[in-house]
Amino acid sequence: MDPALILHVGNSRMKWGLHGSRGWLAQGVLPNAEIGTLSLRDWQNLPRPIRAVGVNAAGEAARVRVESQVARWRIPVEWLVAQEAGAGIVSRYRPAAQLGADRWALLVAARRRAVGSELFPAPCVVVNAGTVVTVDALDAQGVLRGGLILPGPRLMLQAMAERTAALRIAPGRVDDFPTNTPDALATGAVQAVCGAIEQVRAQLRREDTVVKCYLTGGAAHDVAPHLTGPLEVVDNLVLEGVLVLATDRDEK
């Protein structure tokens, strides 16, 4: 598979990467509102890929915009869908496709990292902290036990500002014991996400079992300092998973 354009269209941002025999040749990220500029800006001098594989969480309009940009190379986009099993993962989510292809790719990437780094992979929690936060529980056998969906920190603050006039105030910072309203809001939003992650972690944890957290997404670096270890922040975890799934397709 050389080279392949790997795509992840999230709720508010799109990430892409061109992968070849020597690894990632180029990568980029941009707001979804700017997808229409890709062919003339980011992809203007990009080597021609032989295929394009992606996941889309942003709906039909975003899919159409991406495909119109990829059309410059006259290749279709292979959009992935979550499966009941594949790439070392078994999903208990029902219906399986409702999980979302981006979450499926995250799990595949996390499992590949866990298997590659440990003789006996431990259970892990896989988190995408973006506009929306997903928290998925993957056991030691690679079974997706289930997961949570909740608003991301920024979305929580926006919702409170829209619904409560008194909370339309300047942004605050995260503090152990906030002593003003902006800091109380910022801390509450981040701690709500952290609490959800740690709760899922606790449910996976058994005696003497370490539950690692793999964390990605636009808010990952805001959330990470407030989580317990072991923790690994991976900026392009979805792209990694899409690449694994695309490679598996080639081998079948």
Protein backbone atom coordinates (compact mmCIF):
# COMPACT_ATOMS: atom_id res chain seq x y z
CA MET A 1 0.00 0.00 0.00
CA ASP A 2 2.14 2.85 -1.30
CA PRO A 3 1.24 5.66 -0.90
CA ALA A 4 -2.19 5.94 0.76
CA LEU A 5 -4.11 9.03 1.86
CA ILE A 6 -5.50 8.41 5.36
CA LEU A 7 -8.42 10.62 6.47
CA HIS A 8 -10.20 11.38 9.75
CA VAL A 9 -13.10 13.84 9.60
CA GLY A 10 -14.06 14.69 13.17
CA ASN A 11 -16.91 16.83 14.49
CA SER A 12 -14.98 20.09 14.12
CA ARG A 13 -11.56 19.26 12.61
CA MET A 14 -10.18 17.06 9.86
CA LYS A 15 -6.84 15.25 10.12
CA TRP A 16 -5.10 13.65 7.19
CA GLY A 17 -1.84 11.86 6.46
CA LEU A 18 -0.05 10.43 3.44
CA HIS A 19 1.57 7.11 4.31
CA GLY A 20 4.13 5.26 2.21
CA SER A 21 6.67 2.47 2.52
CA ARG A 22 8.91 4.69 4.68
CA GLY A 23 6.17 5.84 7.04
CA TRP A 24 4.25 9.10 7.17
CA LEU A 25 5.26 11.34 4.27
CA ALA A 26 3.04 14.28 5.26
CA GLN A 27 0.32 15.09 7.79
CA GLY A 28 -2.05 17.95 8.43
CA VAL A 29 -5.03 19.20 10.41
CA LEU A 30 -7.58 21.91 9.62
CA PRO A 31 -11.06 23.08 10.68
CA ASN A 32 -13.89 21.36 8.82
CA ALA A 33 -14.96 24.76 7.47
CA GLU A 34 -11.70 24.85 5.45
CA ILE A 35 -11.97 21.40 3.83
CA GLY A 36 -12.73 23.09 0.49
CA THR A 37 -9.19 24.57 0.40
CA LEU A 38 -7.31 21.26 0.64
CA SER A 39 -6.66 20.60 -3.04
CA LEU A 40 -5.31 24.10 -3.65
CA ARG A 41 -3.41 24.51 -0.38
CA ASP A 42 -2.32 21.47 1.66
CA TRP A 43 -2.50 18.95 -1.20
CA GLN A 44 -1.20 21.17 -4.00
CA ASN A 45 2.24 19.52 -4.12
CA LEU A 46 1.41 16.22 -2.45
CA PRO A 47 2.56 13.03 -4.26
CA ARG A 48 -0.36 11.26 -5.89
CA PRO A 49 -1.83 8.57 -3.60
CA ILE A 50 -2.97 5.28 -5.09
CA ARG A 51 -5.92 5.06 -2.69
CA ALA A 52 -7.74 7.05 -0.01
CA VAL A 53 -9.17 5.47 3.15
CA GLY A 54 -11.01 7.35 5.86
CA VAL A 55 -13.52 7.65 8.68
CA ASN A 56 -16.13 10.37 8.94
CA ALA A 57 -17.96 11.56 12.07
CA ALA A 58 -19.13 14.88 10.61
CA GLY A 59 -22.04 13.83 8.40
CA GLU A 60 -22.96 13.76 4.73
CA ALA A 61 -22.02 17.33 3.81
CA ALA A 62 -18.47 16.90 5.12
CA ARG A 63 -18.14 13.59 3.27
CA VAL A 64 -19.12 15.23 -0.01
CA ARG A 65 -16.65 18.10 0.52
CA VAL A 66 -13.79 15.69 1.21
CA GLU A 67 -14.59 13.56 -1.81
CA SER A 68 -14.63 16.65 -4.04
CA GLN A 69 -11.08 17.46 -2.90
CA VAL A 70 -9.81 13.89 -3.34
CA ALA A 71 -11.30 13.89 -6.87
CA ARG A 72 -8.21 15.78 -8.11
CA TRP A 73 -6.44 12.38 -8.12
CA ARG A 74 -9.42 10.52 -9.67
CA ILE A 75 -9.58 7.98 -6.86
CA PRO A 76 -12.59 7.11 -4.65
CA VAL A 77 -12.55 7.41 -0.87
CA GLU A 78 -13.00 4.09 0.94
CA TRP A 79 -15.07 5.07 3.98
CA LEU A 80 -14.77 2.57 6.83
CA VAL A 81 -17.61 1.35 9.05
CA ALA A 82 -17.28 -0.23 12.50
CA GLN A 83 -17.53 -4.04 12.49
CA GLU A 84 -18.47 -6.70 15.03
CA ALA A 85 -14.93 -8.09 14.83
CA GLY A 86 -11.64 -7.37 13.09
CA ALA A 87 -8.03 -6.28 13.54
CA GLY A 88 -7.83 -7.99 16.94
CA ILE A 89 -11.02 -6.36 18.31
CA VAL A 90 -14.39 -7.92 19.16
CA SER A 91 -17.20 -5.40 19.69
CA ARG A 92 -20.18 -5.78 22.02
CA TYR A 93 -21.67 -2.56 20.69
CA ARG A 94 -25.08 -3.06 19.07
CA PRO A 95 -25.71 -2.36 16.33
CA ALA A 96 -21.98 -2.60 15.61
CA ALA A 97 -21.91 0.12 12.95
CA GLN A 98 -23.46 2.64 15.38
CA LEU A 99 -20.18 2.71 17.31
CA GLY A 100 -18.77 5.05 14.70
CA ALA A 101 -15.83 4.30 12.43
CA ASP A 102 -13.59 6.81 14.24
CA ARG A 103 -14.09 5.02 17.58
CA TRP A 104 -13.49 1.67 15.86
CA ALA A 105 -10.20 2.99 14.44
CA LEU A 106 -9.18 4.31 17.86
CA LEU A 107 -9.71 0.89 19.44
CA VAL A 108 -7.76 -0.86 16.69
CA ALA A 109 -4.83 1.53 17.11
CA ALA A 110 -4.81 1.24 20.91
CA ARG A 111 -4.94 -2.55 20.77
CA ARG A 112 -2.06 -2.62 18.28
CA ARG A 113 0.02 -0.41 20.57
CA ALA A 114 -0.84 -2.51 23.64
CA VAL A 115 0.00 -5.81 21.94
CA GLY A 116 3.22 -4.40 20.56
CA SER A 117 4.45 -3.11 23.93
CA GLU A 118 3.44 -5.91 26.31
CA LEU A 119 3.80 -9.68 26.39
CA PHE A 120 0.33 -9.99 27.95
CA PRO A 121 -1.75 -6.91 27.02
CA ALA A 122 -3.66 -5.38 29.93
CA PRO A 123 -7.12 -3.82 29.68
CA CYS A 124 -7.18 -0.20 28.60
CA VAL A 125 -9.46 2.80 28.28
CA VAL A 126 -9.45 4.54 24.89
CA VAL A 127 -10.48 8.20 24.92
CA ASN A 128 -11.12 10.72 22.18
CA ALA A 129 -11.42 14.13 23.87
CA GLY A 130 -12.72 16.53 21.25
CA THR A 131 -15.94 18.47 20.76
CA VAL A 132 -17.55 15.28 22.05
CA VAL A 133 -15.70 12.87 24.37
CA THR A 134 -15.88 9.11 23.90
CA VAL A 135 -14.56 6.75 26.58
CA ASP A 136 -14.34 3.08 25.54
CA ALA A 137 -13.39 0.07 27.68
CA LEU A 138 -11.21 -2.55 26.01
CA ASP A 139 -10.45 -5.67 28.06
CA ALA A 140 -7.28 -7.77 28.02
CA GLN A 141 -8.69 -10.07 25.33
CA GLY A 142 -9.41 -7.20 22.95
CA VAL A 143 -13.16 -7.15 23.63
CA LEU A 144 -14.88 -3.77 23.56
CA ARG A 145 -17.02 -3.98 26.68
CA GLY A 146 -18.81 -0.71 25.94
CA GLY A 147 -18.28 3.01 26.30
CA LEU A 148 -19.55 6.48 27.18
CA ILE A 149 -20.32 9.60 25.17
CA LEU A 150 -20.36 13.03 26.81
CA PRO A 151 -19.78 16.68 25.86
CA GLY A 152 -16.21 17.90 25.67
CA PRO A 153 -15.04 20.68 28.04
CA ARG A 154 -15.57 23.46 25.51
CA LEU A 155 -19.04 22.23 24.58
CA MET A 156 -20.03 22.05 28.25
CA LEU A 157 -18.95 25.66 28.79
CA GLN A 158 -20.74 26.82 25.63
CA ALA A 159 -23.95 25.09 26.71
CA MET A 160 -23.86 26.68 30.17
CA ALA A 161 -23.16 30.12 28.70
CA GLU A 162 -26.08 29.80 26.27
CA ARG A 163 -28.53 28.63 28.93
CA THR A 164 -27.43 30.77 31.87
CA ALA A 165 -26.88 34.50 31.37
CA ALA A 166 -24.88 34.82 34.60
CA LEU A 167 -22.30 32.33 33.29
CA ARG A 168 -21.41 34.25 30.12
CA ILE A 169 -18.05 35.25 31.51
CA ALA A 170 -14.38 35.16 30.58
CA PRO A 171 -12.62 31.77 30.36
CA GLY A 172 -11.02 30.49 33.53
CA ARG A 173 -8.29 28.02 34.37
CA VAL A 174 -8.31 24.62 36.04
CA ASP A 175 -7.49 24.76 39.76
CA ASP A 176 -7.62 22.25 42.60
CA PHE A 177 -9.89 24.53 44.63
CA PRO A 178 -11.38 27.26 42.41
CA THR A 179 -12.13 30.51 44.20
CA ASN A 180 -13.88 32.38 41.37
CA THR A 181 -16.62 31.53 38.88
CA PRO A 182 -14.53 31.37 35.67
CA ASP A 183 -12.10 28.92 37.29
CA ALA A 184 -14.99 26.94 38.81
CA LEU A 185 -16.54 26.50 35.35
CA ALA A 186 -13.28 25.53 33.67
CA THR A 187 -12.38 23.09 36.44
CA GLY A 188 -15.86 21.56 36.52
CA ALA A 189 -15.83 20.87 32.78
CA VAL A 190 -12.41 19.22 32.79
CA GLN A 191 -13.07 17.26 35.97
CA ALA A 192 -16.37 15.97 34.57
CA VAL A 193 -14.46 14.43 31.67
CA CYS A 194 -11.74 13.09 33.96
CA GLY A 195 -14.33 11.61 36.29
CA ALA A 196 -15.98 9.72 33.44
CA ILE A 197 -12.63 8.35 32.32
CA GLU A 198 -11.59 7.26 35.79
CA GLN A 199 -14.98 5.67 36.44
CA VAL A 200 -14.70 3.46 33.35
CA ARG A 201 -11.12 2.69 34.34
CA ALA A 202 -12.24 1.59 37.81
CA GLN A 203 -14.85 -0.74 36.35
CA LEU A 204 -12.19 -2.43 34.20
CA ARG A 205 -9.63 -2.65 36.97
CA ARG A 206 -9.09 -5.90 38.85
CA GLU A 207 -6.73 -6.67 41.70
CA ASP A 208 -3.11 -6.04 40.65
CA THR A 209 -4.27 -5.03 37.15
CA VAL A 210 -3.07 -1.76 35.65
CA VAL A 211 -5.52 -0.08 33.26
CA LYS A 212 -3.73 2.17 30.80
CA CYS A 213 -5.43 5.14 29.18
CA TYR A 214 -4.83 6.05 25.53
CA LEU A 215 -5.89 9.65 24.95
CA THR A 216 -6.30 11.66 21.75
CA GLY A 217 -8.33 14.60 20.43
CA GLY A 218 -8.24 18.38 20.48
CA ALA A 219 -8.81 18.62 24.25
CA ALA A 220 -6.39 15.79 25.11
CA HIS A 221 -3.62 18.07 26.36
CA ASP A 222 -6.11 19.95 28.58
CA VAL A 223 -7.39 16.74 30.15
CA ALA A 224 -4.17 14.71 30.40
CA PRO A 225 -2.52 16.57 33.33
CA HIS A 226 -5.51 15.76 35.54
CA LEU A 227 -5.62 12.00 34.92
CA THR A 228 -3.76 9.29 36.79
CA GLY A 229 -1.23 7.07 35.03
CA PRO A 230 -0.38 5.06 33.13
CA LEU A 231 -1.36 7.39 30.33
CA GLU A 232 -0.29 7.84 26.72
CA VAL A 233 -1.34 10.86 24.65
CA VAL A 234 -1.26 10.15 20.90
CA ASP A 235 -2.16 13.06 18.63
CA ASN A 236 -3.08 10.98 15.55
CA LEU A 237 -4.42 7.77 17.08
CA VAL A 238 -7.40 7.62 14.72
CA LEU A 239 -5.13 7.90 11.67
CA GLU A 240 -3.04 5.05 13.05
CA GLY A 241 -6.13 2.88 13.35
CA VAL A 242 -7.38 3.72 9.87
CA LEU A 243 -3.98 2.78 8.49
CA VAL A 244 -4.09 -0.60 10.28
CA LEU A 245 -7.59 -1.29 8.93
CA ALA A 246 -6.57 -0.26 5.41
CA THR A 247 -3.53 -2.56 5.57
CA ASP A 248 -5.70 -5.44 6.82
CA ARG A 249 -7.97 -4.93 3.82
CA ASP A 250 -4.98 -5.30 1.50
CA GLU A 251 -3.95 -8.56 3.14
CA LYS A 252 -7.37 -10.22 2.76
